[in-house]
């Protein structure tokens, strides 16, 4: 019985770590990097180029974050059985 309880606690710890990873990557990719890009490119490029760079980064980050979410959840179905 104790091993089942330990396994559930390990599952919660692992799930918490995975969720924090997704939140951290999302915050960096969708908040921090676009802000830096917009700030740096506002002085050196035209607004259209800066907007295109931020949009391109955001789209790339969306695909990368989606891929990471799928990779993190890949083993979820097997462990629930």
C-alpha atoms as a PDB file:
ATOM      1  CA  UNK A   1       0.000   0.000   0.000  1.00  0.00           C
ATOM      2  CA  UNK A   2       2.837   2.399   0.773  1.00  0.00           C
ATOM      3  CA  UNK A   3       4.368   1.843  -2.645  1.00  0.00           C
ATOM      4  CA  UNK A   4       1.122   2.956  -4.309  1.00  0.00           C
ATOM      5  CA  UNK A   5       1.077   6.126  -2.231  1.00  0.00           C
ATOM      6  CA  UNK A   6       4.735   6.809  -3.080  1.00  0.00           C
ATOM      7  CA  UNK A   7       4.031   6.259  -6.778  1.00  0.00           C
ATOM      8  CA  UNK A   8       1.142   8.761  -6.684  1.00  0.00           C
ATOM      9  CA  UNK A   9       3.301  11.347  -4.930  1.00  0.00           C
ATOM     10  CA  UNK A  10       6.022  10.813  -7.524  1.00  0.00           C
ATOM     11  CA  UNK A  11       3.400  11.271 -10.235  1.00  0.00           C
ATOM     12  CA  UNK A  12       2.344  14.622  -8.772  1.00  0.00           C
ATOM     13  CA  UNK A  13       5.944  15.760  -8.476  1.00  0.00           C
ATOM     14  CA  UNK A  14       6.662  14.810 -12.040  1.00  0.00           C
ATOM     15  CA  UNK A  15       3.446  16.455 -13.281  1.00  0.00           C
ATOM     16  CA  UNK A  16       4.279  19.645 -11.378  1.00  0.00           C
ATOM     17  CA  UNK A  17       7.771  19.723 -12.883  1.00  0.00           C
ATOM     18  CA  UNK A  18       6.374  19.230 -16.383  1.00  0.00           C
ATOM     19  CA  UNK A  19       3.774  21.961 -15.933  1.00  0.00           C
ATOM     20  CA  UNK A  20       6.373  24.394 -14.591  1.00  0.00           C
ATOM     21  CA  UNK A  21       8.554  23.602 -17.600  1.00  0.00           C
ATOM     22  CA  UNK A  22       5.711  24.396 -20.004  1.00  0.00           C
ATOM     23  CA  UNK A  23       4.829  27.615 -18.145  1.00  0.00           C
ATOM     24  CA  UNK A  24       8.468  28.724 -18.054  1.00  0.00           C
ATOM     25  CA  UNK A  25       9.070  28.065 -21.737  1.00  0.00           C
ATOM     26  CA  UNK A  26       5.824  29.821 -22.629  1.00  0.00           C
ATOM     27  CA  UNK A  27       6.640  32.868 -20.509  1.00  0.00           C
ATOM     28  CA  UNK A  28      10.076  33.182 -22.057  1.00  0.00           C
ATOM     29  CA  UNK A  29       8.874  32.571 -25.577  1.00  0.00           C
ATOM     30  CA  UNK A  30       5.731  34.678 -25.565  1.00  0.00           C
ATOM     31  CA  UNK A  31       6.645  37.502 -23.158  1.00  0.00           C
ATOM     32  CA  UNK A  32      10.359  38.020 -22.657  1.00  0.00           C
ATOM     33  CA  UNK A  33      11.836  37.385 -26.103  1.00  0.00           C
ATOM     34  CA  UNK A  34       9.217  39.368 -28.093  1.00  0.00           C
ATOM     35  CA  UNK A  35       9.689  42.287 -25.707  1.00  0.00           C
ATOM     36  CA  UNK A  36      13.450  42.226 -26.274  1.00  0.00           C
ATOM     37  CA  UNK A  37      12.975  41.905 -30.035  1.00  0.00           C
ATOM     38  CA  UNK A  38      10.541  44.822 -30.154  1.00  0.00           C
ATOM     39  CA  UNK A  39      12.815  46.988 -28.015  1.00  0.00           C
ATOM     40  CA  UNK A  40      15.980  46.247 -29.988  1.00  0.00           C
ATOM     41  CA  UNK A  41      14.430  46.393 -33.433  1.00  0.00           C
ATOM     42  CA  UNK A  42      12.522  49.615 -32.767  1.00  0.00           C
ATOM     43  CA  UNK A  43      15.774  51.566 -32.932  1.00  0.00           C
ATOM     44  CA  UNK A  44      17.417  49.767 -35.843  1.00  0.00           C
ATOM     45  CA  UNK A  45      14.654  48.686 -38.239  1.00  0.00           C
ATOM     46  CA  UNK A  46      11.454  49.988 -39.702  1.00  0.00           C
ATOM     47  CA  UNK A  47       8.240  49.186 -37.815  1.00  0.00           C
ATOM     48  CA  UNK A  48       7.169  46.701 -40.495  1.00  0.00           C
ATOM     49  CA  UNK A  49      10.401  44.715 -40.128  1.00  0.00           C
ATOM     50  CA  UNK A  50      10.167  44.738 -36.339  1.00  0.00           C
ATOM     51  CA  UNK A  51       6.538  43.618 -36.430  1.00  0.00           C
ATOM     52  CA  UNK A  52       7.362  40.836 -38.877  1.00  0.00           C
ATOM     53  CA  UNK A  53      10.243  39.641 -36.680  1.00  0.00           C
ATOM     54  CA  UNK A  54       8.064  39.564 -33.559  1.00  0.00           C
ATOM     55  CA  UNK A  55       5.256  37.811 -35.444  1.00  0.00           C
ATOM     56  CA  UNK A  56       7.690  35.240 -36.859  1.00  0.00           C
ATOM     57  CA  UNK A  57       9.154  34.582 -33.426  1.00  0.00           C
ATOM     58  CA  UNK A  58       5.693  34.230 -31.882  1.00  0.00           C
ATOM     59  CA  UNK A  59       4.595  31.725 -34.529  1.00  0.00           C
ATOM     60  CA  UNK A  60       7.804  29.718 -34.145  1.00  0.00           C
ATOM     61  CA  UNK A  61       7.382  29.755 -30.375  1.00  0.00           C
ATOM     62  CA  UNK A  62       3.778  28.577 -30.681  1.00  0.00           C
ATOM     63  CA  UNK A  63       4.815  25.588 -32.792  1.00  0.00           C
ATOM     64  CA  UNK A  64       7.753  24.783 -30.488  1.00  0.00           C
ATOM     65  CA  UNK A  65       5.603  25.028 -27.358  1.00  0.00           C
ATOM     66  CA  UNK A  66       2.915  22.842 -28.935  1.00  0.00           C
ATOM     67  CA  UNK A  67       5.550  20.252 -29.861  1.00  0.00           C
ATOM     68  CA  UNK A  68       6.942  20.348 -26.313  1.00  0.00           C
ATOM     69  CA  UNK A  69       3.477  19.904 -24.826  1.00  0.00           C
ATOM     70  CA  UNK A  70       2.862  16.850 -26.996  1.00  0.00           C
ATOM     71  CA  UNK A  71       6.267  15.401 -26.063  1.00  0.00           C
ATOM     72  CA  UNK A  72       5.634  15.948 -22.355  1.00  0.00           C
ATOM     73  CA  UNK A  73       2.216  14.273 -22.518  1.00  0.00           C
ATOM     74  CA  UNK A  74       3.310  11.378 -24.731  1.00  0.00           C
ATOM     75  CA  UNK A  75       3.714   8.835 -21.905  1.00  0.00           C
ATOM     76  CA  UNK A  76       0.635   9.977 -20.020  1.00  0.00           C
ATOM     77  CA  UNK A  77      -1.769   7.345 -21.389  1.00  0.00           C
ATOM     78  CA  UNK A  78       0.512   4.416 -20.588  1.00  0.00           C
ATOM     79  CA  UNK A  79       1.107   5.464 -16.962  1.00  0.00           C
ATOM     80  CA  UNK A  80      -2.610   5.972 -16.228  1.00  0.00           C
ATOM     81  CA  UNK A  81      -3.422   2.302 -16.874  1.00  0.00           C
END
